[in-house]
Amino acid sequence: MTLHTLLASLHEDESGQDLIEYALVCALIALGAIAGMGTVADTINNAFSKIGMELSSATAANPGS
């Protein structure tokens, strides 16, 4: 087998192509999830802060309850 034949056969071999495509899709999904986590975390933090303020004002308005 000559070098030219070896390189030609490697060029035509696509057995690992699907695995690489799936890995790239997974990496893209992970990158999107990581990028979106900051926004989701801020939204959740704001919601809990609002709930905490509402509870504080409700207990301050009714201290005997």
C-alpha atoms as a PDB file:
ATOM      1  CA  MET A   1       0.000   0.000   0.000  1.00  0.00           C
ATOM      2  CA  THR A   2       1.493   3.285  -1.049  1.00  0.00           C
ATOM      3  CA  LEU A   3       1.191   6.548   0.825  1.00  0.00           C
ATOM      4  CA  HIS A   4      -1.124   7.906  -1.855  1.00  0.00           C
ATOM      5  CA  THR A   5      -3.464   4.902  -1.521  1.00  0.00           C
ATOM      6  CA  LEU A   6      -3.444   5.173   2.272  1.00  0.00           C
ATOM      7  CA  LEU A   7      -4.322   8.869   2.212  1.00  0.00           C
ATOM      8  CA  ALA A   8      -7.056   8.272  -0.351  1.00  0.00           C
ATOM      9  CA  SER A   9      -8.620   5.540   1.768  1.00  0.00           C
ATOM     10  CA  LEU A  10      -8.483   7.739   4.884  1.00  0.00           C
ATOM     11  CA  HIS A  11     -10.143  10.565   2.977  1.00  0.00           C
ATOM     12  CA  GLU A  12     -13.008   8.307   1.877  1.00  0.00           C
ATOM     13  CA  ASP A  13     -13.507   6.721   5.318  1.00  0.00           C
ATOM     14  CA  GLU A  14     -16.401   8.496   7.086  1.00  0.00           C
ATOM     15  CA  SER A  15     -16.994   6.078   9.953  1.00  0.00           C
ATOM     16  CA  GLY A  16     -16.268   8.637  12.700  1.00  0.00           C
ATOM     17  CA  GLN A  17     -18.158  11.493  11.086  1.00  0.00           C
ATOM     18  CA  ASP A  18     -21.452  10.848  12.899  1.00  0.00           C
ATOM     19  CA  LEU A  19     -19.737  10.793  16.281  1.00  0.00           C
ATOM     20  CA  ILE A  20     -18.078  14.135  15.630  1.00  0.00           C
ATOM     21  CA  GLU A  21     -21.377  15.665  14.503  1.00  0.00           C
ATOM     22  CA  TYR A  22     -23.146  14.452  17.653  1.00  0.00           C
ATOM     23  CA  ALA A  23     -20.312  15.792  19.799  1.00  0.00           C
ATOM     24  CA  LEU A  24     -20.580  19.194  18.116  1.00  0.00           C
ATOM     25  CA  VAL A  25     -24.352  19.269  18.623  1.00  0.00           C
ATOM     26  CA  CYS A  26     -23.916  18.369  22.309  1.00  0.00           C
ATOM     27  CA  ALA A  27     -21.275  21.062  22.717  1.00  0.00           C
ATOM     28  CA  LEU A  28     -23.572  23.632  21.110  1.00  0.00           C
ATOM     29  CA  ILE A  29     -26.457  22.668  23.406  1.00  0.00           C
ATOM     30  CA  ALA A  30     -24.166  22.845  26.448  1.00  0.00           C
ATOM     31  CA  LEU A  31     -22.898  26.266  25.390  1.00  0.00           C
ATOM     32  CA  GLY A  32     -26.455  27.535  24.993  1.00  0.00           C
ATOM     33  CA  ALA A  33     -27.434  26.144  28.379  1.00  0.00           C
ATOM     34  CA  ILE A  34     -24.449  27.768  30.062  1.00  0.00           C
ATOM     35  CA  ALA A  35     -25.178  31.096  28.399  1.00  0.00           C
ATOM     36  CA  GLY A  36     -28.824  30.964  29.478  1.00  0.00           C
ATOM     37  CA  MET A  37     -28.141  30.001  33.081  1.00  0.00           C
ATOM     38  CA  GLY A  38     -27.120  33.548  34.042  1.00  0.00           C
ATOM     39  CA  THR A  39     -30.452  34.961  32.943  1.00  0.00           C
ATOM     40  CA  VAL A  40     -32.410  32.171  34.609  1.00  0.00           C
ATOM     41  CA  ALA A  41     -30.446  32.575  37.842  1.00  0.00           C
ATOM     42  CA  ASP A  42     -31.098  36.339  37.894  1.00  0.00           C
ATOM     43  CA  THR A  43     -34.808  35.811  37.287  1.00  0.00           C
ATOM     44  CA  ILE A  44     -35.087  33.244  40.078  1.00  0.00           C
ATOM     45  CA  ASN A  45     -33.084  35.461  42.441  1.00  0.00           C
ATOM     46  CA  ASN A  46     -35.359  38.424  41.716  1.00  0.00           C
ATOM     47  CA  ALA A  47     -38.465  36.290  42.282  1.00  0.00           C
ATOM     48  CA  PHE A  48     -37.229  35.077  45.669  1.00  0.00           C
ATOM     49  CA  SER A  49     -36.232  38.611  46.669  1.00  0.00           C
ATOM     50  CA  LYS A  50     -39.708  39.858  45.790  1.00  0.00           C
ATOM     51  CA  ILE A  51     -41.312  37.026  47.782  1.00  0.00           C
ATOM     52  CA  GLY A  52     -39.053  37.832  50.742  1.00  0.00           C
ATOM     53  CA  MET A  53     -40.003  41.508  50.656  1.00  0.00           C
ATOM     54  CA  GLU A  54     -43.703  40.646  50.419  1.00  0.00           C
ATOM     55  CA  LEU A  55     -43.434  38.308  53.402  1.00  0.00           C
ATOM     56  CA  SER A  56     -41.505  40.898  55.414  1.00  0.00           C
ATOM     57  CA  SER A  57     -44.078  43.600  54.723  1.00  0.00           C
ATOM     58  CA  ALA A  58     -46.945  41.214  55.473  1.00  0.00           C
ATOM     59  CA  THR A  59     -45.474  40.218  58.850  1.00  0.00           C
ATOM     60  CA  ALA A  60     -44.646  43.859  59.699  1.00  0.00           C
ATOM     61  CA  ALA A  61     -48.251  44.885  58.961  1.00  0.00           C
ATOM     62  CA  ASN A  62     -49.644  42.099  61.198  1.00  0.00           C
ATOM     63  CA  PRO A  63     -47.183  41.617  64.083  1.00  0.00           C
ATOM     64  CA  GLY A  64     -49.731  39.977  66.392  1.00  0.00           C
ATOM     65  CA  SER A  65     -50.822  37.256  63.920  1.00  0.00           C
END
